[in-house]
Amino acid sequence: MKELKQNYVIAIVGTTAIGKTTLGIALAKHFKCEIISADSRQFFKEMTIGTAVPTKEELKEAKHHFIQNLSIFDNYSVGDFEKDALKKIKELHTKNNIVILLGGSGLYIDAVLEGLDYFPKVAKTIRENLKKELEEKGIEVLQEKLKKLDNKSYCTIEISNPQRLIRALEICIGTGKPYASFLNKDKKAKRNFKTIKIGITADRQVIYNRINKRVDIMVENGLVEEAKALHKYKKLNALQTVGYRELFSYFENVFTLDFAIEEIKKNTRRFAKRQITWFKRDKTIKWFYYDELPEESIKYIHLQLSEEKDI
């Protein structure tokens, strides 16, 4: 490969359980570069099994950043990640013109590559009232409220995450406009690198089968025990996520264990549908089927690099 004049970030996106880690490692080894994880569920050191953190063997194959670097007790926002990830990318580019950015959290990927969206300020009392409503009536009531006010956001954001759900609702209520109407508008962020986006896809049933199999493996590897140890911290935002929330209901005798496991599978499939919806709106992503990787994606990347132009 010719010596590159510019710096690049190769972003790898796709649904959960589709094979992003495997491709990321293959590309990192090929280009002799390092990986930045943009999977917000994998930031927390207390959550290993339920977030499908790369194995020790995988982490040895390629250097990863932002894997289990935080505690569930830390307050950490997407804005914090944008700042930290850009700093790390700048540092890594001093050693190699290429960095891999990998993850299924579309908001975190977009924050690094394009910057965050602008939202007008709204009254603090709106958020306080929504939090009170969440505690008194449950998350389903807020989900239905968002569905009525902004169906587009209802179909794309992670509505099982109370923080993101309330954020969308407070914008809808405070501005009288859908949360989605403020997305991707007039982003001013300047980046000192070019981006190549790779998406991994598969037929819907293949994705669902991979998800079901992954959940079974998680349970075999000790997911129930991991969730049990975290149960007392269930109100923390980091634990408002699929794989833990359902097991918390089992520990509280709301679900049977078998039903909780089936709920994890169902809710993960729903999460995958939201990931698909999020990423499909980005027409700059080059999609590859999971079973034609990594060779075809490497060919595509080399073609893009060979045609490099000034940023």
C-alpha atoms as a PDB file:
ATOM      1  CA  MET A   1       0.000   0.000   0.000  1.00  0.00           C
ATOM      2  CA  LYS A   2       1.284   3.454  -0.892  1.00  0.00           C
ATOM      3  CA  GLU A   3       2.167   5.912   1.840  1.00  0.00           C
ATOM      4  CA  LEU A   4      -0.937   7.871   2.752  1.00  0.00           C
ATOM      5  CA  LYS A   5      -1.038  11.668   2.716  1.00  0.00           C
ATOM      6  CA  GLN A   6      -4.110  11.910   4.934  1.00  0.00           C
ATOM      7  CA  ASN A   7      -5.426  10.395   8.129  1.00  0.00           C
ATOM      8  CA  TYR A   8      -8.378   8.014   8.033  1.00  0.00           C
ATOM      9  CA  VAL A   9     -10.929   6.538  10.404  1.00  0.00           C
ATOM     10  CA  ILE A  10     -12.476   3.306   9.190  1.00  0.00           C
ATOM     11  CA  ALA A  11     -15.846   2.927  10.915  1.00  0.00           C
ATOM     12  CA  ILE A  12     -17.369  -0.539  11.216  1.00  0.00           C
ATOM     13  CA  VAL A  13     -21.075  -0.597  12.039  1.00  0.00           C
ATOM     14  CA  GLY A  14     -23.950  -3.052  12.177  1.00  0.00           C
ATOM     15  CA  THR A  15     -26.304  -4.826  14.533  1.00  0.00           C
ATOM     16  CA  THR A  16     -25.400  -6.643  17.692  1.00  0.00           C
ATOM     17  CA  ALA A  17     -23.994 -10.168  17.120  1.00  0.00           C
ATOM     18  CA  ILE A  18     -23.266  -9.508  13.433  1.00  0.00           C
ATOM     19  CA  GLY A  19     -19.466  -9.876  13.667  1.00  0.00           C
ATOM     20  CA  LYS A  20     -18.092  -6.339  14.057  1.00  0.00           C
ATOM     21  CA  THR A  21     -15.344  -7.388  16.479  1.00  0.00           C
ATOM     22  CA  THR A  22     -14.101 -10.133  14.156  1.00  0.00           C
ATOM     23  CA  LEU A  23     -13.917  -7.773  11.185  1.00  0.00           C
ATOM     24  CA  GLY A  24     -12.372  -5.010  13.276  1.00  0.00           C
ATOM     25  CA  ILE A  25      -9.559  -7.284  14.397  1.00  0.00           C
ATOM     26  CA  ALA A  26      -8.967  -8.512  10.841  1.00  0.00           C
ATOM     27  CA  LEU A  27      -8.698  -4.931   9.563  1.00  0.00           C
ATOM     28  CA  ALA A  28      -6.529  -3.830  12.478  1.00  0.00           C
ATOM     29  CA  LYS A  29      -4.093  -6.668  11.769  1.00  0.00           C
ATOM     30  CA  HIS A  30      -4.108  -5.958   8.035  1.00  0.00           C
ATOM     31  CA  PHE A  31      -3.451  -2.232   8.425  1.00  0.00           C
ATOM     32  CA  LYS A  32      -1.329  -2.671  11.572  1.00  0.00           C
ATOM     33  CA  CYS A  33      -3.468  -0.167  13.465  1.00  0.00           C
ATOM     34  CA  GLU A  34      -5.556   0.053  16.651  1.00  0.00           C
ATOM     35  CA  ILE A  35      -9.269  -0.057  17.459  1.00  0.00           C
ATOM     36  CA  ILE A  36     -11.490   2.444  19.235  1.00  0.00           C
ATOM     37  CA  SER A  37     -14.653   0.859  20.587  1.00  0.00           C
ATOM     38  CA  ALA A  38     -17.800   2.977  20.310  1.00  0.00           C
ATOM     39  CA  ASP A  39     -20.023   0.405  21.983  1.00  0.00           C
ATOM     40  CA  SER A  40     -21.424   2.316  24.950  1.00  0.00           C
ATOM     41  CA  ARG A  41     -22.429  -0.921  26.731  1.00  0.00           C
ATOM     42  CA  GLN A  42     -18.830  -2.140  26.789  1.00  0.00           C
ATOM     43  CA  PHE A  43     -17.389   0.890  28.619  1.00  0.00           C
ATOM     44  CA  PHE A  44     -18.167  -0.523  32.074  1.00  0.00           C
ATOM     45  CA  LYS A  45     -15.782  -2.892  33.829  1.00  0.00           C
ATOM     46  CA  GLU A  46     -18.500  -4.489  35.951  1.00  0.00           C
ATOM     47  CA  MET A  47     -20.415  -5.628  32.845  1.00  0.00           C
ATOM     48  CA  THR A  48     -18.600  -8.274  30.835  1.00  0.00           C
ATOM     49  CA  ILE A  49     -20.806 -11.184  29.836  1.00  0.00           C
ATOM     50  CA  GLY A  50     -24.020  -9.285  29.146  1.00  0.00           C
ATOM     51  CA  THR A  51     -22.294  -6.734  26.909  1.00  0.00           C
ATOM     52  CA  ALA A  52     -20.320  -9.285  24.832  1.00  0.00           C
ATOM     53  CA  VAL A  53     -16.984  -7.652  25.596  1.00  0.00           C
ATOM     54  CA  PRO A  54     -14.223  -9.022  23.322  1.00  0.00           C
ATOM     55  CA  THR A  55     -12.481 -12.030  24.820  1.00  0.00           C
ATOM     56  CA  LYS A  56      -8.962 -11.831  26.264  1.00  0.00           C
ATOM     57  CA  GLU A  57      -7.738 -13.643  23.164  1.00  0.00           C
ATOM     58  CA  GLU A  58      -9.415 -11.095  20.868  1.00  0.00           C
ATOM     59  CA  LEU A  59      -8.017  -8.186  22.857  1.00  0.00           C
ATOM     60  CA  LYS A  60      -4.534  -9.660  22.459  1.00  0.00           C
ATOM     61  CA  GLU A  61      -4.920  -9.842  18.672  1.00  0.00           C
ATOM     62  CA  ALA A  62      -5.467  -6.088  18.321  1.00  0.00           C
ATOM     63  CA  LYS A  63      -5.131  -3.147  20.682  1.00  0.00           C
ATOM     64  CA  HIS A  64      -8.566  -1.846  21.774  1.00  0.00           C
ATOM     65  CA  HIS A  65      -9.435   1.434  23.499  1.00  0.00           C
ATOM     66  CA  PHE A  66     -12.547   2.301  25.555  1.00  0.00           C
ATOM     67  CA  ILE A  67     -13.235  -1.282  26.580  1.00  0.00           C
ATOM     68  CA  GLN A  68     -14.180  -1.569  30.283  1.00  0.00           C
ATOM     69  CA  ASN A  69     -12.457   1.734  31.021  1.00  0.00           C
ATOM     70  CA  LEU A  70     -15.226   3.052  33.286  1.00  0.00           C
ATOM     71  CA  SER A  71     -17.265   2.017  36.306  1.00  0.00           C
ATOM     72  CA  ILE A  72     -21.057   1.804  36.369  1.00  0.00           C
ATOM     73  CA  PHE A  73     -20.842   4.507  39.064  1.00  0.00           C
ATOM     74  CA  ASP A  74     -19.216   7.003  36.677  1.00  0.00           C
ATOM     75  CA  ASN A  75     -21.274   9.700  34.998  1.00  0.00           C
ATOM     76  CA  TYR A  76     -20.247   9.547  31.348  1.00  0.00           C
ATOM     77  CA  SER A  77     -22.077  11.098  28.416  1.00  0.00           C
ATOM     78  CA  VAL A  78     -21.852  10.789  24.658  1.00  0.00           C
ATOM     79  CA  GLY A  79     -20.287  14.266  24.720  1.00  0.00           C
ATOM     80  CA  ASP A  80     -17.556  12.980  27.032  1.00  0.00           C
ATOM     81  CA  PHE A  81     -16.928  10.091  24.659  1.00  0.00           C
ATOM     82  CA  GLU A  82     -16.737  12.380  21.629  1.00  0.00           C
ATOM     83  CA  LYS A  83     -14.048  14.462  23.336  1.00  0.00           C
ATOM     84  CA  ASP A  84     -12.066  11.471  24.635  1.00  0.00           C
ATOM     85  CA  ALA A  85     -12.296   9.505  21.387  1.00  0.00           C
ATOM     86  CA  LEU A  86     -11.139  12.447  19.247  1.00  0.00           C
ATOM     87  CA  LYS A  87      -8.183  12.952  21.567  1.00  0.00           C
ATOM     88  CA  LYS A  88      -7.248   9.281  21.280  1.00  0.00           C
ATOM     89  CA  ILE A  89      -7.667   9.290  17.481  1.00  0.00           C
ATOM     90  CA  LYS A  90      -5.330  12.282  17.208  1.00  0.00           C
ATOM     91  CA  GLU A  91      -2.770  10.441  19.331  1.00  0.00           C
ATOM     92  CA  LEU A  92      -3.051   7.214  17.317  1.00  0.00           C
ATOM     93  CA  HIS A  93      -2.718   9.076  14.030  1.00  0.00           C
ATOM     94  CA  THR A  94       0.787  10.130  15.045  1.00  0.00           C
ATOM     95  CA  LYS A  95       1.731   6.446  14.726  1.00  0.00           C
ATOM     96  CA  ASN A  96      -0.488   5.284  11.875  1.00  0.00           C
ATOM     97  CA  ASN A  97      -2.648   7.063   9.301  1.00  0.00           C
ATOM     98  CA  ILE A  98      -5.474   4.591   9.928  1.00  0.00           C
ATOM     99  CA  VAL A  99      -7.633   4.031  13.039  1.00  0.00           C
ATOM    100  CA  ILE A 100     -10.553   1.617  13.325  1.00  0.00           C
ATOM    101  CA  LEU A 101     -13.754   2.887  14.986  1.00  0.00           C
ATOM    102  CA  LEU A 102     -16.089   0.034  15.828  1.00  0.00           C
ATOM    103  CA  GLY A 103     -19.496  -0.300  17.441  1.00  0.00           C
ATOM    104  CA  GLY A 104     -23.243  -0.684  17.257  1.00  0.00           C
ATOM    105  CA  SER A 105     -24.078   2.507  19.163  1.00  0.00           C
ATOM    106  CA  GLY A 106     -25.012   4.775  16.269  1.00  0.00           C
ATOM    107  CA  LEU A 107     -25.199   7.914  18.377  1.00  0.00           C
ATOM    108  CA  TYR A 108     -21.622   7.393  19.609  1.00  0.00           C
ATOM    109  CA  ILE A 109     -20.302   6.636  16.125  1.00  0.00           C
ATOM    110  CA  ASP A 110     -21.971   9.761  14.725  1.00  0.00           C
ATOM    111  CA  ALA A 111     -20.669  11.917  17.594  1.00  0.00           C
ATOM    112  CA  VAL A 112     -17.067  11.031  16.725  1.00  0.00           C
ATOM    113  CA  LEU A 113     -17.390  11.276  12.957  1.00  0.00           C
ATOM    114  CA  GLU A 114     -19.795  14.203  12.608  1.00  0.00           C
ATOM    115  CA  GLY A 115     -20.273  15.889  15.978  1.00  0.00           C
ATOM    116  CA  LEU A 116     -23.363  16.076  18.149  1.00  0.00           C
ATOM    117  CA  ASP A 117     -26.668  17.588  17.150  1.00  0.00           C
ATOM    118  CA  TYR A 118     -27.801  20.932  18.558  1.00  0.00           C
ATOM    119  CA  PHE A 119     -30.862  20.972  20.807  1.00  0.00           C
ATOM    120  CA  PRO A 120     -32.512  24.081  22.253  1.00  0.00           C
ATOM    121  CA  LYS A 121     -32.667  24.477  26.014  1.00  0.00           C
ATOM    122  CA  VAL A 122     -35.918  23.467  27.699  1.00  0.00           C
ATOM    123  CA  ALA A 123     -37.251  23.967  31.228  1.00  0.00           C
ATOM    124  CA  LYS A 124     -35.634  21.705  33.838  1.00  0.00           C
ATOM    125  CA  THR A 125     -39.053  21.016  35.332  1.00  0.00           C
ATOM    126  CA  ILE A 126     -39.966  18.955  32.255  1.00  0.00           C
ATOM    127  CA  ARG A 127     -37.207  16.437  32.953  1.00  0.00           C
ATOM    128  CA  GLU A 128     -38.072  16.378  36.649  1.00  0.00           C
ATOM    129  CA  ASN A 129     -41.727  15.645  35.869  1.00  0.00           C
ATOM    130  CA  LEU A 130     -40.775  12.892  33.421  1.00  0.00           C
ATOM    131  CA  LYS A 131     -38.501  11.260  35.995  1.00  0.00           C
ATOM    132  CA  LYS A 132     -41.330  11.335  38.524  1.00  0.00           C
ATOM    133  CA  GLU A 133     -43.697   9.827  35.971  1.00  0.00           C
ATOM    134  CA  LEU A 134     -41.152   7.097  35.236  1.00  0.00           C
ATOM    135  CA  GLU A 135     -40.922   6.165  38.912  1.00  0.00           C
ATOM    136  CA  GLU A 136     -44.675   6.229  39.489  1.00  0.00           C
ATOM    137  CA  LYS A 137     -46.039   4.755  36.239  1.00  0.00           C
ATOM    138  CA  GLY A 138     -43.168   2.816  34.661  1.00  0.00           C
ATOM    139  CA  ILE A 139     -41.206   3.089  31.454  1.00  0.00           C
ATOM    140  CA  GLU A 140     -43.996   1.773  29.194  1.00  0.00           C
ATOM    141  CA  VAL A 141     -46.083   4.910  29.789  1.00  0.00           C
ATOM    142  CA  LEU A 142     -43.206   7.123  28.645  1.00  0.00           C
ATOM    143  CA  GLN A 143     -42.563   4.907  25.637  1.00  0.00           C
ATOM    144  CA  GLU A 144     -46.179   5.276  24.515  1.00  0.00           C
ATOM    145  CA  LYS A 145     -45.947   9.028  25.015  1.00  0.00           C
ATOM    146  CA  LEU A 146     -42.918   9.214  22.715  1.00  0.00           C
ATOM    147  CA  LYS A 147     -44.668   7.017  20.160  1.00  0.00           C
ATOM    148  CA  LYS A 148     -47.482   9.582  19.940  1.00  0.00           C
ATOM    149  CA  LEU A 149     -45.245  12.669  19.958  1.00  0.00           C
ATOM    150  CA  ASP A 150     -42.422  11.424  17.734  1.00  0.00           C
ATOM    151  CA  ASN A 151     -42.875   8.021  16.126  1.00  0.00           C
ATOM    152  CA  LYS A 152     -39.629   8.368  14.161  1.00  0.00           C
ATOM    153  CA  SER A 153     -37.570   8.634  17.338  1.00  0.00           C
ATOM    154  CA  TYR A 154     -39.668   5.886  18.927  1.00  0.00           C
ATOM    155  CA  CYS A 155     -38.500   3.598  16.120  1.00  0.00           C
ATOM    156  CA  THR A 156     -34.816   4.558  16.245  1.00  0.00           C
ATOM    157  CA  ILE A 157     -33.611   5.452  19.736  1.00  0.00           C
ATOM    158  CA  GLU A 158     -33.045   2.894  22.489  1.00  0.00           C
ATOM    159  CA  ILE A 159     -36.404   3.347  24.229  1.00  0.00           C
ATOM    160  CA  SER A 160     -35.481   0.801  26.905  1.00  0.00           C
ATOM    161  CA  ASN A 161     -32.869   3.291  28.147  1.00  0.00           C
ATOM    162  CA  PRO A 162     -34.708   5.739  30.472  1.00  0.00           C
ATOM    163  CA  GLN A 163     -32.112   8.480  30.045  1.00  0.00           C
ATOM    164  CA  ARG A 164     -32.389   8.557  26.254  1.00  0.00           C
ATOM    165  CA  LEU A 165     -36.158   8.163  26.387  1.00  0.00           C
ATOM    166  CA  ILE A 166     -36.546  11.113  28.760  1.00  0.00           C
ATOM    167  CA  ARG A 167     -34.111  13.203  26.709  1.00  0.00           C
ATOM    168  CA  ALA A 168     -36.227  12.721  23.582  1.00  0.00           C
ATOM    169  CA  LEU A 169     -39.450  13.435  25.436  1.00  0.00           C
ATOM    170  CA  GLU A 170     -38.225  16.613  27.115  1.00  0.00           C
ATOM    171  CA  ILE A 171     -37.244  18.031  23.730  1.00  0.00           C
ATOM    172  CA  CYS A 172     -40.624  17.090  22.238  1.00  0.00           C
ATOM    173  CA  ILE A 173     -42.539  18.626  25.137  1.00  0.00           C
ATOM    174  CA  GLY A 174     -40.291  21.652  25.636  1.00  0.00           C
ATOM    175  CA  THR A 175     -40.138  22.706  21.977  1.00  0.00           C
ATOM    176  CA  GLY A 176     -43.410  21.386  20.600  1.00  0.00           C
ATOM    177  CA  LYS A 177     -41.387  19.729  17.815  1.00  0.00           C
ATOM    178  CA  PRO A 178     -40.267  16.112  17.348  1.00  0.00           C
ATOM    179  CA  TYR A 179     -36.864  15.213  18.798  1.00  0.00           C
ATOM    180  CA  ALA A 180     -36.015  13.711  15.392  1.00  0.00           C
ATOM    181  CA  SER A 181     -36.492  17.094  13.691  1.00  0.00           C
ATOM    182  CA  PHE A 182     -33.327  18.381  15.387  1.00  0.00           C
ATOM    183  CA  LEU A 183     -31.111  15.514  14.235  1.00  0.00           C
ATOM    184  CA  ASN A 184     -28.486  15.954  11.521  1.00  0.00           C
ATOM    185  CA  LYS A 185     -29.104  19.689  11.183  1.00  0.00           C
ATOM    186  CA  ASP A 186     -26.264  22.133  10.515  1.00  0.00           C
ATOM    187  CA  LYS A 187     -23.469  20.184  12.174  1.00  0.00           C
ATOM    188  CA  LYS A 188     -20.420  22.430  12.459  1.00  0.00           C
ATOM    189  CA  ALA A 189     -17.889  19.832  13.559  1.00  0.00           C
ATOM    190  CA  LYS A 190     -14.617  19.813  11.660  1.00  0.00           C
ATOM    191  CA  ARG A 191     -12.575  16.647  11.556  1.00  0.00           C
ATOM    192  CA  ASN A 192      -8.927  16.320  10.572  1.00  0.00           C
ATOM    193  CA  PHE A 193      -9.435  12.907   9.040  1.00  0.00           C
ATOM    194  CA  LYS A 194     -11.391  11.268   6.258  1.00  0.00           C
ATOM    195  CA  THR A 195     -13.925   8.559   7.013  1.00  0.00           C
ATOM    196  CA  ILE A 196     -14.573   5.228   5.331  1.00  0.00           C
ATOM    197  CA  LYS A 197     -17.715   3.519   6.611  1.00  0.00           C
ATOM    198  CA  ILE A 198     -18.188  -0.244   6.447  1.00  0.00           C
ATOM    199  CA  GLY A 199     -21.488  -1.872   7.412  1.00  0.00           C
ATOM    200  CA  ILE A 200     -22.043  -5.567   8.097  1.00  0.00           C
ATOM    201  CA  THR A 201     -25.435  -6.985   7.259  1.00  0.00           C
ATOM    202  CA  ALA A 202     -27.312 -10.260   6.857  1.00  0.00           C
ATOM    203  CA  ASP A 203     -30.831 -11.467   6.198  1.00  0.00           C
ATOM    204  CA  ARG A 204     -33.103 -10.608   9.102  1.00  0.00           C
ATOM    205  CA  GLN A 205     -33.546 -14.236  10.181  1.00  0.00           C
ATOM    206  CA  VAL A 206     -29.786 -14.813  10.171  1.00  0.00           C
ATOM    207  CA  ILE A 207     -29.343 -11.821  12.484  1.00  0.00           C
ATOM    208  CA  TYR A 208     -32.066 -13.090  14.807  1.00  0.00           C
ATOM    209  CA  ASN A 209     -30.574 -16.593  14.896  1.00  0.00           C
ATOM    210  CA  ARG A 210     -27.149 -15.164  15.752  1.00  0.00           C
ATOM    211  CA  ILE A 211     -28.698 -13.091  18.542  1.00  0.00           C
ATOM    212  CA  ASN A 212     -30.535 -16.083  20.009  1.00  0.00           C
ATOM    213  CA  LYS A 213     -27.370 -18.173  19.937  1.00  0.00           C
ATOM    214  CA  ARG A 214     -25.326 -15.403  21.560  1.00  0.00           C
ATOM    215  CA  VAL A 215     -27.812 -15.067  24.428  1.00  0.00           C
ATOM    216  CA  ASP A 216     -27.684 -18.827  25.046  1.00  0.00           C
ATOM    217  CA  ILE A 217     -23.882 -18.646  25.175  1.00  0.00           C
ATOM    218  CA  MET A 218     -24.030 -15.683  27.579  1.00  0.00           C
ATOM    219  CA  VAL A 219     -26.259 -17.664  29.937  1.00  0.00           C
ATOM    220  CA  GLU A 220     -23.901 -20.665  29.737  1.00  0.00           C
ATOM    221  CA  ASN A 221     -20.966 -18.353  30.531  1.00  0.00           C
ATOM    222  CA  GLY A 222     -22.562 -16.965  33.701  1.00  0.00           C
ATOM    223  CA  LEU A 223     -24.807 -14.047  32.735  1.00  0.00           C
ATOM    224  CA  VAL A 224     -27.325 -14.837  35.486  1.00  0.00           C
ATOM    225  CA  GLU A 225     -24.614 -14.755  38.143  1.00  0.00           C
ATOM    226  CA  GLU A 226     -23.151 -11.521  36.747  1.00  0.00           C
ATOM    227  CA  ALA A 227     -26.571  -9.848  36.785  1.00  0.00           C
ATOM    228  CA  LYS A 228     -27.247 -11.124  40.317  1.00  0.00           C
ATOM    229  CA  ALA A 229     -24.122  -9.364  41.577  1.00  0.00           C
ATOM    230  CA  LEU A 230     -25.293  -6.112  39.966  1.00  0.00           C
ATOM    231  CA  HIS A 231     -28.954  -6.326  41.007  1.00  0.00           C
ATOM    232  CA  LYS A 232     -28.587  -3.963  43.955  1.00  0.00           C
ATOM    233  CA  TYR A 233     -27.356  -1.250  41.573  1.00  0.00           C
ATOM    234  CA  LYS A 234     -30.235  -1.691  39.112  1.00  0.00           C
ATOM    235  CA  LYS A 235     -31.266   1.989  39.164  1.00  0.00           C
ATOM    236  CA  LEU A 236     -27.928   3.124  37.721  1.00  0.00           C
ATOM    237  CA  ASN A 237     -28.210   4.281  34.126  1.00  0.00           C
ATOM    238  CA  ALA A 238     -25.519   1.869  32.933  1.00  0.00           C
ATOM    239  CA  LEU A 239     -27.708  -1.061  33.974  1.00  0.00           C
ATOM    240  CA  GLN A 240     -30.828   0.148  32.180  1.00  0.00           C
ATOM    241  CA  THR A 241     -30.039  -2.187  29.333  1.00  0.00           C
ATOM    242  CA  VAL A 242     -31.127  -5.409  27.697  1.00  0.00           C
ATOM    243  CA  GLY A 243     -29.710  -8.535  29.303  1.00  0.00           C
ATOM    244  CA  TYR A 244     -29.699  -7.180  32.828  1.00  0.00           C
ATOM    245  CA  ARG A 245     -33.093  -5.569  33.192  1.00  0.00           C
ATOM    246  CA  GLU A 246     -34.926  -8.806  32.339  1.00  0.00           C
ATOM    247  CA  LEU A 247     -32.905 -10.799  34.848  1.00  0.00           C
ATOM    248  CA  PHE A 248     -33.588  -8.206  37.532  1.00  0.00           C
ATOM    249  CA  SER A 249     -37.292  -9.010  37.017  1.00  0.00           C
ATOM    250  CA  TYR A 250     -36.453 -12.697  37.494  1.00  0.00           C
ATOM    251  CA  PHE A 251     -34.665 -11.977  40.768  1.00  0.00           C
ATOM    252  CA  GLU A 252     -37.745 -10.059  41.913  1.00  0.00           C
ATOM    253  CA  ASN A 253     -40.026 -13.005  41.044  1.00  0.00           C
ATOM    254  CA  VAL A 254     -41.759 -11.108  38.243  1.00  0.00           C
ATOM    255  CA  PHE A 255     -40.398 -13.456  35.545  1.00  0.00           C
ATOM    256  CA  THR A 256     -39.385 -17.101  35.539  1.00  0.00           C
ATOM    257  CA  LEU A 257     -35.801 -17.686  34.422  1.00  0.00           C
ATOM    258  CA  ASP A 258     -36.867 -19.223  31.104  1.00  0.00           C
ATOM    259  CA  PHE A 259     -39.199 -16.298  30.408  1.00  0.00           C
ATOM    260  CA  ALA A 260     -36.469 -13.781  31.315  1.00  0.00           C
ATOM    261  CA  ILE A 261     -34.078 -15.421  28.854  1.00  0.00           C
ATOM    262  CA  GLU A 262     -36.692 -15.332  26.102  1.00  0.00           C
ATOM    263  CA  GLU A 263     -37.322 -11.658  26.906  1.00  0.00           C
ATOM    264  CA  ILE A 264     -33.600 -10.936  26.551  1.00  0.00           C
ATOM    265  CA  LYS A 265     -33.664 -12.540  23.107  1.00  0.00           C
ATOM    266  CA  LYS A 266     -36.809 -10.682  22.080  1.00  0.00           C
ATOM    267  CA  ASN A 267     -35.605  -7.303  23.334  1.00  0.00           C
ATOM    268  CA  THR A 268     -32.186  -7.782  21.731  1.00  0.00           C
ATOM    269  CA  ARG A 269     -33.892  -8.512  18.419  1.00  0.00           C
ATOM    270  CA  ARG A 270     -35.908  -5.321  18.840  1.00  0.00           C
ATOM    271  CA  PHE A 271     -32.710  -3.417  19.603  1.00  0.00           C
ATOM    272  CA  ALA A 272     -31.175  -4.844  16.413  1.00  0.00           C
ATOM    273  CA  LYS A 273     -34.155  -3.540  14.406  1.00  0.00           C
ATOM    274  CA  ARG A 274     -33.498  -0.064  15.799  1.00  0.00           C
ATOM    275  CA  GLN A 275     -29.822  -0.347  14.901  1.00  0.00           C
ATOM    276  CA  ILE A 276     -30.763  -1.284  11.333  1.00  0.00           C
ATOM    277  CA  THR A 277     -33.117   1.701  11.090  1.00  0.00           C
ATOM    278  CA  TRP A 278     -30.446   4.060  12.460  1.00  0.00           C
ATOM    279  CA  PHE A 279     -27.631   2.942  10.164  1.00  0.00           C
ATOM    280  CA  LYS A 280     -29.706   2.529   7.003  1.00  0.00           C
ATOM    281  CA  ARG A 281     -30.381   6.279   6.922  1.00  0.00           C
ATOM    282  CA  ASP A 282     -26.655   6.880   6.285  1.00  0.00           C
ATOM    283  CA  LYS A 283     -26.136   6.492   2.548  1.00  0.00           C
ATOM    284  CA  THR A 284     -22.343   6.782   2.862  1.00  0.00           C
ATOM    285  CA  ILE A 285     -22.041   3.339   4.458  1.00  0.00           C
ATOM    286  CA  LYS A 286     -20.794   0.562   2.156  1.00  0.00           C
ATOM    287  CA  TRP A 287     -22.594  -2.638   3.144  1.00  0.00           C
ATOM    288  CA  PHE A 288     -21.174  -6.160   3.042  1.00  0.00           C
ATOM    289  CA  TYR A 289     -22.819  -9.436   3.926  1.00  0.00           C
ATOM    290  CA  TYR A 290     -21.335 -11.027   7.025  1.00  0.00           C
ATOM    291  CA  ASP A 291     -20.174 -14.103   5.075  1.00  0.00           C
ATOM    292  CA  GLU A 292     -18.137 -12.164   2.480  1.00  0.00           C
ATOM    293  CA  LEU A 293     -15.807 -10.567   5.004  1.00  0.00           C
ATOM    294  CA  PRO A 294     -13.075  -9.533   5.483  1.00  0.00           C
ATOM    295  CA  GLU A 295     -11.636  -9.907   1.984  1.00  0.00           C
ATOM    296  CA  GLU A 296     -14.222  -7.830   0.123  1.00  0.00           C
ATOM    297  CA  SER A 297     -14.139  -4.991   2.636  1.00  0.00           C
ATOM    298  CA  ILE A 298     -10.339  -4.848   2.503  1.00  0.00           C
ATOM    299  CA  LYS A 299     -10.489  -4.556  -1.302  1.00  0.00           C
ATOM    300  CA  TYR A 300     -13.019  -1.741  -0.990  1.00  0.00           C
ATOM    301  CA  ILE A 301     -10.929   0.139   1.588  1.00  0.00           C
ATOM    302  CA  HIS A 302      -7.786  -0.119  -0.522  1.00  0.00           C
ATOM    303  CA  LEU A 303      -9.732   1.265  -3.478  1.00  0.00           C
ATOM    304  CA  GLN A 304     -10.849   4.261  -1.390  1.00  0.00           C
ATOM    305  CA  LEU A 305      -7.318   4.847  -0.136  1.00  0.00           C
ATOM    306  CA  SER A 306      -5.885   4.692  -3.643  1.00  0.00           C
ATOM    307  CA  GLU A 307      -8.215   7.511  -4.707  1.00  0.00           C
ATOM    308  CA  GLU A 308      -7.442   9.805  -1.772  1.00  0.00           C
ATOM    309  CA  LYS A 309      -7.982  13.500  -2.315  1.00  0.00           C
ATOM    310  CA  ASP A 310      -7.329  16.538  -0.163  1.00  0.00           C
ATOM    311  CA  ILE A 311      -9.566  16.778   2.907  1.00  0.00           C
END
